[in-house]
């Protein structure tokens, strides 16, 4: 899985930095900042683009970080069938122990009622 993920990441990175994608960047920036493409070179527009782009970048980075944490957690914390089976066995043992205690209590209460 790690090899495929690395290859996918590399392919995505290469696709972003290829020259054929660069003409799309002004359109992305104008869509994020609500500034027309014709106004991108004007004075004062850069600040608006940066202030509009920062929340997008922070949100997307947060998503990627959460996804990375999820991948790491699923890699090292696994619920295997044996763990699930152990849980079922423990529950069955607990039920059997409770049933045995209930039977002993019932027998002891029955024997005390017969003696009186």
C-alpha atoms as a PDB file:
ATOM      1  CA  UNK A   1       0.000   0.000   0.000  1.00  0.00           C
ATOM      2  CA  UNK A   2       2.826   2.402   0.833  1.00  0.00           C
ATOM      3  CA  UNK A   3       4.364   2.039  -2.628  1.00  0.00           C
ATOM      4  CA  UNK A   4       1.100   2.778  -4.381  1.00  0.00           C
ATOM      5  CA  UNK A   5       0.475   5.788  -2.163  1.00  0.00           C
ATOM      6  CA  UNK A   6       3.926   7.176  -2.909  1.00  0.00           C
ATOM      7  CA  UNK A   7       3.473   6.673  -6.635  1.00  0.00           C
ATOM      8  CA  UNK A   8       0.063   8.361  -6.495  1.00  0.00           C
ATOM      9  CA  UNK A   9       1.489  11.302  -4.553  1.00  0.00           C
ATOM     10  CA  UNK A  10       4.387  11.669  -6.994  1.00  0.00           C
ATOM     11  CA  UNK A  11       2.039  11.535  -9.992  1.00  0.00           C
ATOM     12  CA  UNK A  12      -0.206  14.191  -8.452  1.00  0.00           C
ATOM     13  CA  UNK A  13       2.762  16.422  -7.662  1.00  0.00           C
ATOM     14  CA  UNK A  14       4.142  16.075 -11.189  1.00  0.00           C
ATOM     15  CA  UNK A  15       0.739  16.851 -12.678  1.00  0.00           C
ATOM     16  CA  UNK A  16       0.542  20.077 -10.640  1.00  0.00           C
ATOM     17  CA  UNK A  17       3.998  21.381 -11.595  1.00  0.00           C
ATOM     18  CA  UNK A  18       3.807  20.522 -15.302  1.00  0.00           C
ATOM     19  CA  UNK A  19       3.780  23.542 -17.614  1.00  0.00           C
ATOM     20  CA  UNK A  20       0.403  22.570 -19.068  1.00  0.00           C
ATOM     21  CA  UNK A  21      -1.208  23.215 -15.667  1.00  0.00           C
ATOM     22  CA  UNK A  22       0.371  26.637 -15.112  1.00  0.00           C
ATOM     23  CA  UNK A  23      -2.120  28.481 -17.374  1.00  0.00           C
ATOM     24  CA  UNK A  24      -4.897  27.268 -15.058  1.00  0.00           C
ATOM     25  CA  UNK A  25      -3.382  28.948 -11.978  1.00  0.00           C
ATOM     26  CA  UNK A  26      -4.780  32.454 -12.682  1.00  0.00           C
ATOM     27  CA  UNK A  27      -8.245  30.966 -13.047  1.00  0.00           C
ATOM     28  CA  UNK A  28      -7.887  29.128  -9.736  1.00  0.00           C
ATOM     29  CA  UNK A  29      -6.676  32.264  -8.001  1.00  0.00           C
ATOM     30  CA  UNK A  30      -9.508  34.366  -9.391  1.00  0.00           C
ATOM     31  CA  UNK A  31     -12.062  31.715  -8.402  1.00  0.00           C
ATOM     32  CA  UNK A  32     -10.739  31.526  -4.840  1.00  0.00           C
ATOM     33  CA  UNK A  33     -10.353  35.296  -4.347  1.00  0.00           C
ATOM     34  CA  UNK A  34     -13.304  36.508  -6.463  1.00  0.00           C
ATOM     35  CA  UNK A  35     -10.953  38.781  -8.424  1.00  0.00           C
ATOM     36  CA  UNK A  36     -11.331  38.907 -12.195  1.00  0.00           C
ATOM     37  CA  UNK A  37      -8.418  37.506 -14.185  1.00  0.00           C
ATOM     38  CA  UNK A  38      -7.908  40.908 -15.888  1.00  0.00           C
ATOM     39  CA  UNK A  39      -7.297  42.561 -12.492  1.00  0.00           C
ATOM     40  CA  UNK A  40      -4.693  40.055 -11.242  1.00  0.00           C
ATOM     41  CA  UNK A  41      -1.736  42.357 -12.015  1.00  0.00           C
ATOM     42  CA  UNK A  42      -3.200  45.479 -10.386  1.00  0.00           C
ATOM     43  CA  UNK A  43      -1.881  47.032  -7.206  1.00  0.00           C
ATOM     44  CA  UNK A  44      -3.509  45.827  -3.955  1.00  0.00           C
ATOM     45  CA  UNK A  45      -5.037  42.742  -5.521  1.00  0.00           C
ATOM     46  CA  UNK A  46      -2.236  40.510  -4.244  1.00  0.00           C
ATOM     47  CA  UNK A  47      -3.264  41.071  -0.626  1.00  0.00           C
ATOM     48  CA  UNK A  48      -6.850  40.067  -1.428  1.00  0.00           C
ATOM     49  CA  UNK A  49      -5.661  36.922  -3.188  1.00  0.00           C
ATOM     50  CA  UNK A  50      -3.426  35.966  -0.258  1.00  0.00           C
ATOM     51  CA  UNK A  51      -6.123  36.592   2.351  1.00  0.00           C
ATOM     52  CA  UNK A  52      -8.598  34.543   0.335  1.00  0.00           C
ATOM     53  CA  UNK A  53      -6.109  31.754  -0.396  1.00  0.00           C
ATOM     54  CA  UNK A  54      -4.835  31.244   3.166  1.00  0.00           C
ATOM     55  CA  UNK A  55      -8.072  29.697   4.535  1.00  0.00           C
ATOM     56  CA  UNK A  56      -8.210  27.389   1.516  1.00  0.00           C
ATOM     57  CA  UNK A  57      -4.609  26.299   1.996  1.00  0.00           C
ATOM     58  CA  UNK A  58      -5.057  25.818   5.755  1.00  0.00           C
ATOM     59  CA  UNK A  59      -8.256  23.824   5.264  1.00  0.00           C
ATOM     60  CA  UNK A  60      -6.775  21.632   2.563  1.00  0.00           C
ATOM     61  CA  UNK A  61      -3.610  21.082   4.614  1.00  0.00           C
ATOM     62  CA  UNK A  62      -5.756  20.125   7.594  1.00  0.00           C
ATOM     63  CA  UNK A  63      -7.612  17.610   5.439  1.00  0.00           C
ATOM     64  CA  UNK A  64      -4.341  16.106   4.202  1.00  0.00           C
ATOM     65  CA  UNK A  65      -2.976  15.948   7.747  1.00  0.00           C
ATOM     66  CA  UNK A  66      -6.105  14.177   9.000  1.00  0.00           C
ATOM     67  CA  UNK A  67      -5.891  11.750   6.084  1.00  0.00           C
ATOM     68  CA  UNK A  68      -2.239  11.050   6.881  1.00  0.00           C
ATOM     69  CA  UNK A  69      -3.087  10.413  10.542  1.00  0.00           C
ATOM     70  CA  UNK A  70      -5.869   8.054   9.423  1.00  0.00           C
ATOM     71  CA  UNK A  71      -3.461   6.141   7.179  1.00  0.00           C
ATOM     72  CA  UNK A  72      -0.886   5.835   9.953  1.00  0.00           C
ATOM     73  CA  UNK A  73      -3.515   4.757  12.473  1.00  0.00           C
ATOM     74  CA  UNK A  74      -4.935   2.084  10.186  1.00  0.00           C
ATOM     75  CA  UNK A  75      -1.414   0.855   9.499  1.00  0.00           C
ATOM     76  CA  UNK A  76      -0.506   0.311  13.150  1.00  0.00           C
ATOM     77  CA  UNK A  77      -3.853  -0.164  14.906  1.00  0.00           C
ATOM     78  CA  UNK A  78      -5.691  -3.098  13.458  1.00  0.00           C
ATOM     79  CA  UNK A  79      -8.698  -4.981  14.710  1.00  0.00           C
ATOM     80  CA  UNK A  80      -7.972  -8.490  13.609  1.00  0.00           C
ATOM     81  CA  UNK A  81     -10.455 -11.317  13.591  1.00  0.00           C
ATOM     82  CA  UNK A  82      -8.627 -12.810  16.577  1.00  0.00           C
ATOM     83  CA  UNK A  83      -9.280  -9.623  18.571  1.00  0.00           C
ATOM     84  CA  UNK A  84     -12.963  -9.778  17.701  1.00  0.00           C
ATOM     85  CA  UNK A  85     -13.009 -13.466  18.578  1.00  0.00           C
ATOM     86  CA  UNK A  86     -11.362 -12.741  21.927  1.00  0.00           C
ATOM     87  CA  UNK A  87     -14.079 -10.201  22.655  1.00  0.00           C
ATOM     88  CA  UNK A  88     -16.800 -12.744  21.856  1.00  0.00           C
ATOM     89  CA  UNK A  89     -15.082 -15.346  24.039  1.00  0.00           C
ATOM     90  CA  UNK A  90     -14.789 -12.909  26.939  1.00  0.00           C
ATOM     91  CA  UNK A  91     -18.463 -11.964  26.637  1.00  0.00           C
ATOM     92  CA  UNK A  92     -19.435 -15.655  26.553  1.00  0.00           C
ATOM     93  CA  UNK A  93     -17.287 -16.379  29.617  1.00  0.00           C
ATOM     94  CA  UNK A  94     -18.854 -13.432  31.435  1.00  0.00           C
ATOM     95  CA  UNK A  95     -22.365 -14.666  30.585  1.00  0.00           C
ATOM     96  CA  UNK A  96     -21.515 -18.191  31.754  1.00  0.00           C
ATOM     97  CA  UNK A  97     -20.034 -16.877  35.008  1.00  0.00           C
ATOM     98  CA  UNK A  98     -23.101 -14.707  35.632  1.00  0.00           C
ATOM     99  CA  UNK A  99     -25.416 -17.639  34.882  1.00  0.00           C
ATOM    100  CA  UNK A 100     -23.458 -19.846  37.276  1.00  0.00           C
ATOM    101  CA  UNK A 101     -23.638 -17.198  40.017  1.00  0.00           C
ATOM    102  CA  UNK A 102     -27.369 -16.803  39.436  1.00  0.00           C
ATOM    103  CA  UNK A 103     -27.844 -20.572  39.676  1.00  0.00           C
ATOM    104  CA  UNK A 104     -25.854 -20.734  42.932  1.00  0.00           C
ATOM    105  CA  UNK A 105     -27.851 -17.851  44.398  1.00  0.00           C
ATOM    106  CA  UNK A 106     -31.100 -19.467  43.329  1.00  0.00           C
ATOM    107  CA  UNK A 107     -30.067 -22.808  44.851  1.00  0.00           C
ATOM    108  CA  UNK A 108     -28.952 -21.174  48.090  1.00  0.00           C
ATOM    109  CA  UNK A 109     -32.186 -19.182  48.371  1.00  0.00           C
ATOM    110  CA  UNK A 110     -34.201 -22.326  47.651  1.00  0.00           C
ATOM    111  CA  UNK A 111     -32.325 -24.305  50.307  1.00  0.00           C
ATOM    112  CA  UNK A 112     -32.824 -21.588  52.916  1.00  0.00           C
ATOM    113  CA  UNK A 113     -36.551 -21.451  52.186  1.00  0.00           C
ATOM    114  CA  UNK A 114     -36.874 -25.243  52.570  1.00  0.00           C
ATOM    115  CA  UNK A 115     -35.117 -25.242  55.975  1.00  0.00           C
ATOM    116  CA  UNK A 116     -37.441 -22.622  57.428  1.00  0.00           C
END
